[in-house]
Amino acid sequence: MAPVSQPLGFISDIHGNLVALEAVLAELARRAVVDIFVAGDLILGGPAPMEVWKRLQQVHARCVLGPSDLALGRVDPASLSAKGAADAEKLRVFTETQKALGEIVQKRLAQLPRELRLPMIDGGELLLVHGSPRDPFEAITHDMEEIDVRALLDSDPADVVVCGGTHVPFVRVVDDVRIVNVGSVGESPEGRFAHYSIVSPKMTGPDIEQAWVEY
């Protein structure tokens, strides 16, 4: 693959929220960012699972696997049991989401890659993963001790690790590795604010901008 030189848009944790996704895509289009990458958890939780899937296909988004994506593709809801009203509601949403997607999309979700690697024009490498290099389903948090972050980086060769999972956006540097958590499109802690990040590769190293759009 040729080294990347154009700005790249990164999002995560859409959770089936089409309104939030459309707001972010419109903002990225306004800024002439056409290459979209998604750090997993695409569908489960929101009112428009199939619409979100189709929209991501329309913009040719490149996606990696999140835990809810894998569950939708692999877990039979008949094997699950609910303990209390909250669990029963989650099971209902899970079952209805699977039905809305159909078997073909479920299988495609489960087959998403666990990571993507992009060479950049400065000679560095960018890794996209939902959680962390050591475990795609174990997230790096903004307040994690450096020793624990190092364990999750797992001596990965990437210079930039772009991830999600926590719904909280941040950038931090540990042992010269830039960790970019892109937050959440559909379930941000602030409510109706959708997060996104833009990585602009340069010969001197990538510029990283984190932003949000209200919806």
N, C-alpha and C. Protein backbone atom coordinates (compact mmCIF):
# COMPACT_ATOMS: atom_id res chain seq x y z
N MET A 1 0.83 -1.19 0.00
CA MET A 1 0.00 0.00 0.00
C MET A 1 0.87 1.25 0.00
N ALA A 2 0.53 2.23 -0.84
CA ALA A 2 1.30 3.47 -0.91
C ALA A 2 1.10 4.28 0.37
N PRO A 3 2.13 5.00 0.81
CA PRO A 3 1.98 5.83 2.01
C PRO A 3 0.86 6.85 1.87
N VAL A 4 0.14 7.06 2.95
CA VAL A 4 -0.99 7.98 2.96
C VAL A 4 -0.51 9.41 3.13
N SER A 5 -1.05 10.31 2.30
CA SER A 5 -0.67 11.71 2.40
C SER A 5 -1.86 12.65 2.60
N GLN A 6 -3.07 12.17 2.33
CA GLN A 6 -4.25 13.02 2.43
C GLN A 6 -4.85 12.94 3.83
N PRO A 7 -5.64 13.95 4.25
CA PRO A 7 -6.29 13.91 5.56
C PRO A 7 -7.25 12.72 5.66
N LEU A 8 -7.29 12.13 6.84
CA LEU A 8 -8.12 10.97 7.09
C LEU A 8 -9.10 11.28 8.23
N GLY A 9 -10.36 10.86 8.06
CA GLY A 9 -11.36 11.06 9.11
C GLY A 9 -11.57 9.78 9.90
N PHE A 10 -11.50 9.90 11.22
CA PHE A 10 -11.66 8.74 12.10
C PHE A 10 -12.83 8.95 13.05
N ILE A 11 -13.69 7.94 13.14
CA ILE A 11 -14.82 7.95 14.07
C ILE A 11 -14.93 6.59 14.72
N SER A 12 -15.80 6.49 15.73
CA SER A 12 -15.99 5.22 16.41
C SER A 12 -17.32 5.22 17.14
N ASP A 13 -17.74 4.03 17.56
CA ASP A 13 -18.87 3.87 18.47
C ASP A 13 -20.10 4.65 17.99
N ILE A 14 -20.54 4.31 16.78
CA ILE A 14 -21.74 4.94 16.21
C ILE A 14 -22.99 4.40 16.88
N HIS A 15 -22.99 3.13 17.18
CA HIS A 15 -24.08 2.47 17.90
C HIS A 15 -25.45 2.72 17.27
N GLY A 16 -25.51 2.64 15.95
CA GLY A 16 -26.79 2.71 15.26
C GLY A 16 -27.47 4.06 15.27
N ASN A 17 -26.73 5.11 15.56
CA ASN A 17 -27.29 6.47 15.63
C ASN A 17 -27.07 7.16 14.29
N LEU A 18 -28.05 7.08 13.41
CA LEU A 18 -27.92 7.63 12.06
C LEU A 18 -27.85 9.16 12.07
N VAL A 19 -28.63 9.80 12.91
CA VAL A 19 -28.63 11.27 12.96
C VAL A 19 -27.24 11.79 13.32
N ALA A 20 -26.63 11.19 14.32
CA ALA A 20 -25.28 11.59 14.72
C ALA A 20 -24.27 11.32 13.61
N LEU A 21 -24.39 10.16 12.97
CA LEU A 21 -23.47 9.82 11.89
C LEU A 21 -23.58 10.81 10.74
N GLU A 22 -24.80 11.16 10.36
CA GLU A 22 -24.99 12.12 9.26
C GLU A 22 -24.38 13.47 9.61
N ALA A 23 -24.48 13.88 10.86
CA ALA A 23 -23.90 15.16 11.26
C ALA A 23 -22.38 15.15 11.11
N VAL A 24 -21.76 14.05 11.51
CA VAL A 24 -20.30 13.95 11.39
C VAL A 24 -19.87 13.86 9.93
N LEU A 25 -20.57 13.05 9.15
CA LEU A 25 -20.22 12.91 7.74
C LEU A 25 -20.36 14.24 7.00
N ALA A 26 -21.38 15.02 7.35
CA ALA A 26 -21.55 16.32 6.72
C ALA A 26 -20.40 17.25 7.08
N GLU A 27 -19.96 17.19 8.31
CA GLU A 27 -18.85 18.05 8.74
C GLU A 27 -17.55 17.63 8.06
N LEU A 28 -17.31 16.34 7.95
CA LEU A 28 -16.10 15.87 7.27
C LEU A 28 -16.14 16.24 5.79
N ALA A 29 -17.32 16.12 5.16
CA ALA A 29 -17.44 16.50 3.76
C ALA A 29 -17.20 17.99 3.58
N ARG A 30 -17.70 18.79 4.50
CA ARG A 30 -17.48 20.24 4.44
C ARG A 30 -16.00 20.57 4.48
N ARG A 31 -15.24 19.73 5.18
CA ARG A 31 -13.81 19.95 5.33
C ARG A 31 -13.00 19.16 4.30
N ALA A 32 -13.69 18.61 3.31
CA ALA A 32 -13.07 17.90 2.19
C ALA A 32 -12.29 16.66 2.63
N VAL A 33 -12.76 16.02 3.69
CA VAL A 33 -12.18 14.75 4.12
C VAL A 33 -13.05 13.63 3.56
N VAL A 34 -12.49 12.84 2.69
CA VAL A 34 -13.29 11.81 2.00
C VAL A 34 -12.96 10.39 2.44
N ASP A 35 -11.81 10.19 3.06
CA ASP A 35 -11.43 8.85 3.50
C ASP A 35 -11.84 8.67 4.96
N ILE A 36 -12.82 7.78 5.18
CA ILE A 36 -13.43 7.62 6.49
C ILE A 36 -13.05 6.25 7.07
N PHE A 37 -12.66 6.26 8.33
CA PHE A 37 -12.29 5.03 9.04
C PHE A 37 -13.08 4.96 10.35
N VAL A 38 -13.53 3.75 10.69
CA VAL A 38 -14.38 3.58 11.87
C VAL A 38 -13.78 2.52 12.79
N ALA A 39 -13.62 2.88 14.06
CA ALA A 39 -12.98 2.00 15.03
C ALA A 39 -13.98 1.12 15.77
N GLY A 40 -14.96 0.56 15.04
CA GLY A 40 -15.82 -0.46 15.61
C GLY A 40 -17.04 0.03 16.37
N ASP A 41 -17.84 -0.93 16.82
CA ASP A 41 -19.13 -0.71 17.48
C ASP A 41 -20.02 0.18 16.60
N LEU A 42 -20.35 -0.35 15.44
CA LEU A 42 -21.06 0.41 14.42
C LEU A 42 -22.56 0.50 14.66
N ILE A 43 -23.18 -0.58 15.12
CA ILE A 43 -24.61 -0.77 14.90
C ILE A 43 -25.45 -0.82 16.17
N LEU A 44 -25.04 -1.61 17.14
CA LEU A 44 -25.92 -1.96 18.26
C LEU A 44 -26.20 -0.77 19.17
N GLY A 45 -27.48 -0.61 19.51
CA GLY A 45 -27.86 0.38 20.51
C GLY A 45 -28.75 1.49 20.02
N GLY A 46 -28.74 1.77 18.73
CA GLY A 46 -29.51 2.89 18.20
C GLY A 46 -30.71 2.45 17.40
N PRO A 47 -31.50 3.41 16.94
CA PRO A 47 -32.76 3.09 16.27
C PRO A 47 -32.64 2.78 14.78
N ALA A 48 -31.44 2.94 14.20
CA ALA A 48 -31.33 2.80 12.74
C ALA A 48 -30.14 1.92 12.35
N PRO A 49 -30.14 0.66 12.76
CA PRO A 49 -28.97 -0.19 12.50
C PRO A 49 -28.67 -0.41 11.02
N MET A 50 -29.69 -0.77 10.24
CA MET A 50 -29.46 -1.04 8.83
C MET A 50 -29.13 0.24 8.07
N GLU A 51 -29.76 1.33 8.45
CA GLU A 51 -29.48 2.61 7.78
C GLU A 51 -28.04 3.04 8.02
N VAL A 52 -27.54 2.83 9.22
CA VAL A 52 -26.15 3.16 9.52
C VAL A 52 -25.21 2.29 8.68
N TRP A 53 -25.49 1.00 8.62
CA TRP A 53 -24.66 0.11 7.81
C TRP A 53 -24.61 0.55 6.35
N LYS A 54 -25.78 0.84 5.78
CA LYS A 54 -25.83 1.26 4.38
C LYS A 54 -25.09 2.58 4.17
N ARG A 55 -25.22 3.49 5.11
CA ARG A 55 -24.55 4.80 4.95
C ARG A 55 -23.04 4.63 4.97
N LEU A 56 -22.55 3.77 5.82
CA LEU A 56 -21.11 3.52 5.85
C LEU A 56 -20.62 2.89 4.56
N GLN A 57 -21.44 2.04 3.96
CA GLN A 57 -21.06 1.46 2.67
C GLN A 57 -21.05 2.54 1.59
N GLN A 58 -22.01 3.47 1.65
CA GLN A 58 -22.10 4.52 0.64
C GLN A 58 -20.86 5.41 0.63
N VAL A 59 -20.30 5.66 1.79
CA VAL A 59 -19.11 6.54 1.85
C VAL A 59 -17.82 5.72 1.81
N HIS A 60 -17.95 4.41 1.58
CA HIS A 60 -16.79 3.51 1.48
C HIS A 60 -15.92 3.56 2.74
N ALA A 61 -16.59 3.63 3.88
CA ALA A 61 -15.85 3.65 5.14
C ALA A 61 -15.14 2.32 5.36
N ARG A 62 -13.93 2.41 5.88
CA ARG A 62 -13.18 1.21 6.25
C ARG A 62 -13.32 1.03 7.76
N CYS A 63 -13.81 -0.12 8.16
CA CYS A 63 -14.19 -0.35 9.55
C CYS A 63 -13.41 -1.52 10.14
N VAL A 64 -13.14 -1.43 11.44
CA VAL A 64 -12.60 -2.57 12.18
C VAL A 64 -13.65 -3.07 13.16
N LEU A 65 -13.41 -4.23 13.69
CA LEU A 65 -14.38 -4.95 14.50
C LEU A 65 -14.43 -4.42 15.93
N GLY A 66 -15.63 -4.18 16.42
CA GLY A 66 -15.86 -3.89 17.83
C GLY A 66 -16.57 -5.06 18.49
N PRO A 67 -16.62 -5.10 19.81
CA PRO A 67 -17.24 -6.25 20.48
C PRO A 67 -18.72 -6.41 20.17
N SER A 68 -19.45 -5.30 20.03
CA SER A 68 -20.87 -5.43 19.71
C SER A 68 -21.08 -5.90 18.28
N ASP A 69 -20.16 -5.55 17.38
CA ASP A 69 -20.24 -6.04 16.00
C ASP A 69 -20.07 -7.56 15.96
N LEU A 70 -19.08 -8.03 16.72
CA LEU A 70 -18.83 -9.47 16.77
C LEU A 70 -20.03 -10.20 17.37
N ALA A 71 -20.60 -9.63 18.43
CA ALA A 71 -21.75 -10.26 19.08
C ALA A 71 -22.93 -10.36 18.13
N LEU A 72 -23.19 -9.28 17.39
CA LEU A 72 -24.31 -9.31 16.45
C LEU A 72 -24.13 -10.37 15.39
N GLY A 73 -22.89 -10.62 15.01
CA GLY A 73 -22.62 -11.59 13.97
C GLY A 73 -22.52 -13.02 14.45
N ARG A 74 -22.28 -13.21 15.75
CA ARG A 74 -21.97 -14.57 16.22
C ARG A 74 -22.92 -15.11 17.29
N VAL A 75 -23.57 -14.24 18.05
CA VAL A 75 -24.32 -14.69 19.23
C VAL A 75 -25.78 -14.94 18.87
N ASP A 76 -26.28 -16.10 19.25
CA ASP A 76 -27.69 -16.44 19.10
C ASP A 76 -28.43 -15.90 20.32
N PRO A 77 -29.38 -14.98 20.13
CA PRO A 77 -30.09 -14.42 21.29
C PRO A 77 -30.84 -15.47 22.10
N ALA A 78 -31.15 -16.61 21.49
CA ALA A 78 -31.83 -17.68 22.22
C ALA A 78 -30.94 -18.26 23.32
N SER A 79 -29.62 -18.04 23.18
CA SER A 79 -28.69 -18.55 24.19
C SER A 79 -28.52 -17.58 25.36
N LEU A 80 -29.13 -16.41 25.27
CA LEU A 80 -28.99 -15.39 26.30
C LEU A 80 -30.19 -15.40 27.23
N SER A 81 -29.96 -14.99 28.47
CA SER A 81 -31.05 -14.88 29.44
C SER A 81 -30.99 -13.51 30.08
N ALA A 82 -32.14 -13.01 30.47
CA ALA A 82 -32.24 -11.68 31.07
C ALA A 82 -32.49 -11.78 32.56
N LYS A 83 -31.74 -10.99 33.32
CA LYS A 83 -31.92 -10.90 34.76
C LYS A 83 -32.39 -9.49 35.09
N GLY A 84 -33.68 -9.31 35.12
CA GLY A 84 -34.22 -8.00 35.43
C GLY A 84 -34.63 -7.25 34.19
N ALA A 85 -35.29 -6.11 34.42
CA ALA A 85 -35.86 -5.32 33.32
C ALA A 85 -34.80 -4.75 32.40
N ALA A 86 -33.67 -4.30 32.96
CA ALA A 86 -32.62 -3.69 32.15
C ALA A 86 -32.04 -4.71 31.18
N ASP A 87 -31.77 -5.91 31.66
CA ASP A 87 -31.25 -6.96 30.80
C ASP A 87 -32.27 -7.35 29.73
N ALA A 88 -33.53 -7.38 30.13
CA ALA A 88 -34.58 -7.75 29.17
C ALA A 88 -34.66 -6.73 28.04
N GLU A 89 -34.48 -5.46 28.35
CA GLU A 89 -34.50 -4.42 27.32
C GLU A 89 -33.30 -4.55 26.40
N LYS A 90 -32.13 -4.83 26.96
CA LYS A 90 -30.94 -5.00 26.13
C LYS A 90 -31.10 -6.20 25.20
N LEU A 91 -31.69 -7.27 25.70
CA LEU A 91 -31.91 -8.45 24.88
C LEU A 91 -32.90 -8.16 23.77
N ARG A 92 -33.92 -7.37 24.09
CA ARG A 92 -34.90 -7.00 23.05
C ARG A 92 -34.24 -6.20 21.94
N VAL A 93 -33.42 -5.21 22.33
CA VAL A 93 -32.73 -4.39 21.34
C VAL A 93 -31.78 -5.24 20.50
N PHE A 94 -31.06 -6.14 21.15
CA PHE A 94 -30.12 -7.02 20.44
C PHE A 94 -30.86 -7.86 19.41
N THR A 95 -31.97 -8.47 19.82
CA THR A 95 -32.73 -9.33 18.93
C THR A 95 -33.31 -8.55 17.76
N GLU A 96 -33.87 -7.39 18.04
CA GLU A 96 -34.45 -6.57 16.97
C GLU A 96 -33.38 -6.05 16.01
N THR A 97 -32.20 -5.77 16.54
CA THR A 97 -31.12 -5.31 15.68
C THR A 97 -30.68 -6.42 14.73
N GLN A 98 -30.53 -7.63 15.23
CA GLN A 98 -30.19 -8.75 14.37
C GLN A 98 -31.23 -8.94 13.27
N LYS A 99 -32.49 -8.86 13.63
CA LYS A 99 -33.55 -9.02 12.63
C LYS A 99 -33.49 -7.94 11.57
N ALA A 100 -33.22 -6.71 12.00
CA ALA A 100 -33.15 -5.59 11.05
C ALA A 100 -31.99 -5.76 10.08
N LEU A 101 -30.90 -6.33 10.55
CA LEU A 101 -29.71 -6.46 9.71
C LEU A 101 -29.82 -7.63 8.73
N GLY A 102 -30.39 -8.73 9.18
CA GLY A 102 -30.43 -9.92 8.35
C GLY A 102 -29.12 -10.71 8.44
N GLU A 103 -29.15 -11.94 7.98
CA GLU A 103 -28.00 -12.83 8.16
C GLU A 103 -26.77 -12.38 7.38
N ILE A 104 -26.96 -11.85 6.19
CA ILE A 104 -25.80 -11.47 5.37
C ILE A 104 -25.00 -10.36 6.03
N VAL A 105 -25.68 -9.32 6.49
CA VAL A 105 -24.97 -8.21 7.14
C VAL A 105 -24.38 -8.66 8.47
N GLN A 106 -25.09 -9.51 9.19
CA GLN A 106 -24.53 -10.05 10.44
C GLN A 106 -23.19 -10.73 10.18
N LYS A 107 -23.14 -11.54 9.14
CA LYS A 107 -21.89 -12.24 8.81
C LYS A 107 -20.80 -11.26 8.42
N ARG A 108 -21.16 -10.23 7.65
CA ARG A 108 -20.17 -9.24 7.24
C ARG A 108 -19.63 -8.48 8.44
N LEU A 109 -20.49 -8.20 9.41
CA LEU A 109 -20.02 -7.55 10.63
C LEU A 109 -18.98 -8.40 11.34
N ALA A 110 -19.30 -9.68 11.52
CA ALA A 110 -18.40 -10.57 12.24
C ALA A 110 -17.07 -10.77 11.51
N GLN A 111 -17.06 -10.53 10.20
CA GLN A 111 -15.85 -10.73 9.40
C GLN A 111 -15.01 -9.46 9.25
N LEU A 112 -15.42 -8.38 9.89
CA LEU A 112 -14.61 -7.16 9.83
C LEU A 112 -13.22 -7.44 10.42
N PRO A 113 -12.19 -6.81 9.87
CA PRO A 113 -10.85 -7.03 10.42
C PRO A 113 -10.72 -6.47 11.83
N ARG A 114 -9.87 -7.06 12.61
CA ARG A 114 -9.66 -6.57 13.97
C ARG A 114 -8.72 -5.37 14.01
N GLU A 115 -7.99 -5.15 12.94
CA GLU A 115 -7.12 -3.98 12.87
C GLU A 115 -6.86 -3.61 11.42
N LEU A 116 -6.48 -2.36 11.22
CA LEU A 116 -6.02 -1.87 9.93
C LEU A 116 -4.73 -1.10 10.15
N ARG A 117 -3.78 -1.26 9.23
CA ARG A 117 -2.51 -0.55 9.32
C ARG A 117 -2.31 0.30 8.08
N LEU A 118 -1.92 1.55 8.29
CA LEU A 118 -1.73 2.50 7.20
C LEU A 118 -0.33 3.09 7.27
N PRO A 119 0.48 2.93 6.21
CA PRO A 119 1.78 3.62 6.17
C PRO A 119 1.58 5.10 5.88
N MET A 120 2.36 5.95 6.52
CA MET A 120 2.25 7.40 6.32
C MET A 120 3.49 7.94 5.63
N ILE A 121 3.36 9.14 5.07
CA ILE A 121 4.43 9.66 4.22
C ILE A 121 5.70 10.01 5.00
N ASP A 122 5.62 10.10 6.32
CA ASP A 122 6.83 10.37 7.10
C ASP A 122 7.60 9.09 7.43
N GLY A 123 7.10 7.95 6.93
CA GLY A 123 7.74 6.67 7.21
C GLY A 123 7.14 5.96 8.41
N GLY A 124 6.24 6.62 9.11
CA GLY A 124 5.59 6.01 10.26
C GLY A 124 4.40 5.15 9.85
N GLU A 125 3.81 4.52 10.84
CA GLU A 125 2.67 3.65 10.61
C GLU A 125 1.54 4.00 11.57
N LEU A 126 0.32 3.98 11.04
CA LEU A 126 -0.87 4.20 11.86
C LEU A 126 -1.62 2.89 12.00
N LEU A 127 -2.02 2.57 13.22
CA LEU A 127 -2.80 1.38 13.52
C LEU A 127 -4.19 1.80 13.96
N LEU A 128 -5.22 1.24 13.33
CA LEU A 128 -6.60 1.45 13.73
C LEU A 128 -7.12 0.18 14.37
N VAL A 129 -7.65 0.31 15.60
CA VAL A 129 -8.17 -0.84 16.34
C VAL A 129 -9.24 -0.33 17.29
N HIS A 130 -10.19 -1.17 17.64
CA HIS A 130 -11.24 -0.70 18.55
C HIS A 130 -10.70 -0.41 19.94
N GLY A 131 -9.96 -1.37 20.51
CA GLY A 131 -9.51 -1.22 21.88
C GLY A 131 -8.05 -0.88 22.02
N SER A 132 -7.18 -1.86 21.77
CA SER A 132 -5.74 -1.66 21.94
C SER A 132 -4.99 -2.68 21.09
N PRO A 133 -3.69 -2.46 20.85
CA PRO A 133 -2.94 -3.43 20.06
C PRO A 133 -2.90 -4.82 20.69
N ARG A 134 -2.84 -4.90 22.01
CA ARG A 134 -2.78 -6.22 22.66
C ARG A 134 -4.10 -6.96 22.57
N ASP A 135 -5.20 -6.21 22.73
CA ASP A 135 -6.53 -6.82 22.72
C ASP A 135 -7.50 -5.84 22.08
N PRO A 136 -8.05 -6.18 20.91
CA PRO A 136 -8.92 -5.24 20.23
C PRO A 136 -10.17 -4.88 21.01
N PHE A 137 -10.48 -5.64 22.05
CA PHE A 137 -11.67 -5.36 22.84
C PHE A 137 -11.35 -4.79 24.22
N GLU A 138 -10.08 -4.52 24.51
CA GLU A 138 -9.69 -3.91 25.79
C GLU A 138 -9.21 -2.49 25.51
N ALA A 139 -9.95 -1.52 26.01
CA ALA A 139 -9.72 -0.12 25.66
C ALA A 139 -8.60 0.52 26.47
N ILE A 140 -7.95 1.47 25.84
CA ILE A 140 -7.01 2.37 26.51
C ILE A 140 -7.81 3.59 26.96
N THR A 141 -7.75 3.92 28.24
CA THR A 141 -8.52 5.05 28.77
C THR A 141 -7.64 6.27 28.97
N HIS A 142 -8.29 7.43 29.09
CA HIS A 142 -7.55 8.69 29.22
C HIS A 142 -6.81 8.79 30.55
N ASP A 143 -7.30 8.08 31.58
CA ASP A 143 -6.71 8.20 32.92
C ASP A 143 -5.91 6.97 33.33
N MET A 144 -5.61 6.10 32.39
CA MET A 144 -4.86 4.88 32.68
C MET A 144 -3.40 5.19 32.99
N GLU A 145 -2.85 4.49 33.94
CA GLU A 145 -1.43 4.65 34.27
C GLU A 145 -0.57 4.24 33.08
N GLU A 146 0.58 4.91 32.93
CA GLU A 146 1.44 4.64 31.77
C GLU A 146 1.89 3.18 31.72
N ILE A 147 2.14 2.60 32.86
CA ILE A 147 2.59 1.19 32.86
C ILE A 147 1.50 0.28 32.28
N ASP A 148 0.25 0.62 32.54
CA ASP A 148 -0.85 -0.17 31.99
C ASP A 148 -1.04 0.10 30.51
N VAL A 149 -0.82 1.35 30.09
CA VAL A 149 -0.89 1.67 28.67
C VAL A 149 0.20 0.91 27.90
N ARG A 150 1.40 0.88 28.46
CA ARG A 150 2.49 0.16 27.80
C ARG A 150 2.13 -1.31 27.60
N ALA A 151 1.47 -1.89 28.60
CA ALA A 151 1.07 -3.30 28.47
C ALA A 151 0.08 -3.49 27.33
N LEU A 152 -0.84 -2.54 27.16
CA LEU A 152 -1.83 -2.65 26.09
C LEU A 152 -1.24 -2.32 24.73
N LEU A 153 -0.21 -1.49 24.70
CA LEU A 153 0.48 -1.23 23.43
C LEU A 153 1.24 -2.47 22.96
N ASP A 154 1.73 -3.25 23.91
CA ASP A 154 2.27 -4.57 23.61
C ASP A 154 3.42 -4.53 22.60
N SER A 155 4.26 -3.50 22.70
CA SER A 155 5.42 -3.35 21.81
C SER A 155 5.04 -3.33 20.34
N ASP A 156 3.82 -2.89 20.04
CA ASP A 156 3.39 -2.79 18.64
C ASP A 156 4.26 -1.77 17.91
N PRO A 157 4.59 -2.01 16.65
CA PRO A 157 5.48 -1.09 15.92
C PRO A 157 4.83 0.21 15.46
N ALA A 158 3.52 0.35 15.59
CA ALA A 158 2.83 1.54 15.08
C ALA A 158 3.29 2.80 15.82
N ASP A 159 3.35 3.90 15.08
CA ASP A 159 3.71 5.20 15.66
C ASP A 159 2.48 5.95 16.16
N VAL A 160 1.33 5.68 15.55
CA VAL A 160 0.06 6.28 15.95
C VAL A 160 -0.95 5.15 16.11
N VAL A 161 -1.61 5.09 17.26
CA VAL A 161 -2.66 4.11 17.51
C VAL A 161 -3.97 4.88 17.63
N VAL A 162 -4.89 4.62 16.69
CA VAL A 162 -6.20 5.24 16.72
C VAL A 162 -7.20 4.20 17.21
N CYS A 163 -7.99 4.58 18.23
CA CYS A 163 -8.86 3.60 18.87
C CYS A 163 -10.15 4.26 19.35
N GLY A 164 -11.02 3.44 19.91
CA GLY A 164 -12.29 3.91 20.46
C GLY A 164 -12.58 3.16 21.73
N GLY A 165 -13.85 2.80 21.91
CA GLY A 165 -14.22 1.95 23.03
C GLY A 165 -14.64 2.68 24.29
N THR A 166 -14.01 3.80 24.61
CA THR A 166 -14.29 4.48 25.87
C THR A 166 -15.36 5.56 25.74
N HIS A 167 -15.64 6.00 24.52
CA HIS A 167 -16.57 7.10 24.22
C HIS A 167 -16.01 8.45 24.66
N VAL A 168 -14.77 8.49 25.13
CA VAL A 168 -14.15 9.74 25.58
C VAL A 168 -12.94 10.03 24.70
N PRO A 169 -12.96 11.12 23.94
CA PRO A 169 -11.82 11.41 23.06
C PRO A 169 -10.62 11.98 23.83
N PHE A 170 -9.44 11.58 23.39
CA PHE A 170 -8.22 12.13 23.97
C PHE A 170 -7.04 11.80 23.07
N VAL A 171 -5.96 12.54 23.28
CA VAL A 171 -4.67 12.24 22.65
C VAL A 171 -3.63 12.22 23.77
N ARG A 172 -2.85 11.18 23.82
CA ARG A 172 -1.74 11.13 24.78
C ARG A 172 -0.58 10.40 24.13
N VAL A 173 0.61 10.67 24.65
CA VAL A 173 1.83 10.07 24.11
C VAL A 173 2.48 9.23 25.20
N VAL A 174 2.77 7.99 24.86
CA VAL A 174 3.46 7.08 25.77
C VAL A 174 4.58 6.41 24.98
N ASP A 175 5.82 6.63 25.43
CA ASP A 175 6.99 6.05 24.75
C ASP A 175 7.01 6.36 23.26
N ASP A 176 6.76 7.61 22.93
CA ASP A 176 6.78 8.11 21.55
C ASP A 176 5.64 7.57 20.68
N VAL A 177 4.71 6.82 21.27
CA VAL A 177 3.53 6.37 20.53
C VAL A 177 2.39 7.34 20.82
N ARG A 178 1.80 7.88 19.75
CA ARG A 178 0.66 8.80 19.90
C ARG A 178 -0.62 7.98 19.89
N ILE A 179 -1.36 8.05 20.97
CA ILE A 179 -2.60 7.32 21.12
C ILE A 179 -3.75 8.30 20.93
N VAL A 180 -4.60 8.01 19.95
CA VAL A 180 -5.71 8.90 19.61
C VAL A 180 -7.01 8.12 19.82
N ASN A 181 -7.71 8.43 20.90
CA ASN A 181 -9.03 7.85 21.09
C ASN A 181 -10.04 8.82 20.49
N VAL A 182 -10.84 8.35 19.55
CA VAL A 182 -11.71 9.25 18.79
C VAL A 182 -13.09 9.43 19.41
N GLY A 183 -13.29 8.91 20.62
CA GLY A 183 -14.55 9.14 21.31
C GLY A 183 -15.69 8.36 20.69
N SER A 184 -16.87 8.98 20.65
CA SER A 184 -18.06 8.29 20.17
C SER A 184 -18.92 9.20 19.31
N VAL A 185 -19.42 8.65 18.23
CA VAL A 185 -20.38 9.37 17.40
C VAL A 185 -21.77 9.31 18.03
N GLY A 186 -22.20 8.12 18.42
CA GLY A 186 -23.60 7.94 18.79
C GLY A 186 -23.91 7.90 20.26
N GLU A 187 -22.88 7.74 21.13
CA GLU A 187 -23.15 7.62 22.56
C GLU A 187 -22.13 8.40 23.38
N SER A 188 -21.91 9.66 23.02
CA SER A 188 -20.96 10.46 23.78
C SER A 188 -21.50 10.78 25.17
N PRO A 189 -20.63 10.89 26.16
CA PRO A 189 -21.09 11.21 27.52
C PRO A 189 -21.81 12.56 27.61
N GLU A 190 -21.51 13.47 26.69
CA GLU A 190 -22.10 14.81 26.74
C GLU A 190 -23.52 14.85 26.19
N GLY A 191 -23.97 13.76 25.61
CA GLY A 191 -25.30 13.77 25.01
C GLY A 191 -25.22 13.97 23.51
N ARG A 192 -25.90 14.97 22.98
CA ARG A 192 -26.04 15.12 21.53
C ARG A 192 -24.83 15.83 20.91
N PHE A 193 -23.66 15.27 21.15
CA PHE A 193 -22.41 15.73 20.55
C PHE A 193 -21.71 14.52 19.95
N ALA A 194 -21.38 14.59 18.68
CA ALA A 194 -20.73 13.48 17.99
C ALA A 194 -19.25 13.82 17.77
N HIS A 195 -18.39 12.94 18.22
CA HIS A 195 -16.94 13.19 18.13
C HIS A 195 -16.36 12.68 16.81
N TYR A 196 -15.32 13.34 16.36
CA TYR A 196 -14.54 12.83 15.24
C TYR A 196 -13.12 13.37 15.35
N SER A 197 -12.19 12.72 14.67
CA SER A 197 -10.80 13.16 14.63
C SER A 197 -10.31 13.16 13.19
N ILE A 198 -9.43 14.09 12.88
CA ILE A 198 -8.82 14.17 11.56
C ILE A 198 -7.31 14.02 11.73
N VAL A 199 -6.74 13.07 11.03
CA VAL A 199 -5.28 12.86 11.02
C VAL A 199 -4.77 13.28 9.65
N SER A 200 -3.86 14.25 9.65
CA SER A 200 -3.28 14.77 8.40
C SER A 200 -1.81 14.39 8.33
N PRO A 201 -1.46 13.34 7.58
CA PRO A 201 -0.06 12.93 7.48
C PRO A 201 0.80 14.01 6.82
N LYS A 202 2.00 14.23 7.35
CA LYS A 202 2.95 15.18 6.79
C LYS A 202 4.35 14.60 6.90
N MET A 203 5.27 15.15 6.15
CA MET A 203 6.64 14.65 6.17
C MET A 203 7.28 14.82 7.55
N THR A 204 6.81 15.79 8.31
CA THR A 204 7.34 16.04 9.65
C THR A 204 6.57 15.30 10.73
N GLY A 205 5.62 14.49 10.34
CA GLY A 205 4.79 13.77 11.29
C GLY A 205 3.34 14.23 11.19
N PRO A 206 2.40 13.40 11.56
CA PRO A 206 0.99 13.73 11.35
C PRO A 206 0.47 14.80 12.30
N ASP A 207 -0.40 15.65 11.77
CA ASP A 207 -1.17 16.57 12.59
C ASP A 207 -2.46 15.87 13.00
N ILE A 208 -2.85 16.05 14.25
CA ILE A 208 -4.04 15.40 14.76
C ILE A 208 -4.98 16.46 15.34
N GLU A 209 -6.20 16.46 14.84
CA GLU A 209 -7.22 17.40 15.32
C GLU A 209 -8.43 16.61 15.82
N GLN A 210 -8.86 16.91 17.03
CA GLN A 210 -10.07 16.31 17.55
C GLN A 210 -11.16 17.36 17.64
N ALA A 211 -12.37 16.98 17.25
CA ALA A 211 -13.47 17.94 17.21
C ALA A 211 -14.78 17.22 17.45
N TRP A 212 -15.85 17.98 17.50
CA TRP A 212 -17.17 17.42 17.68
C TRP A 212 -18.18 18.29 16.94
N VAL A 213 -19.35 17.71 16.68
CA VAL A 213 -20.43 18.44 16.05
C VAL A 213 -21.71 18.14 16.83
N GLU A 214 -22.50 19.15 17.06
CA GLU A 214 -23.77 18.97 17.77
C GLU A 214 -24.83 18.50 16.78
N TYR A 215 -25.73 17.65 17.25
CA TYR A 215 -26.79 17.16 16.37
C TYR A 215 -28.12 17.15 17.12
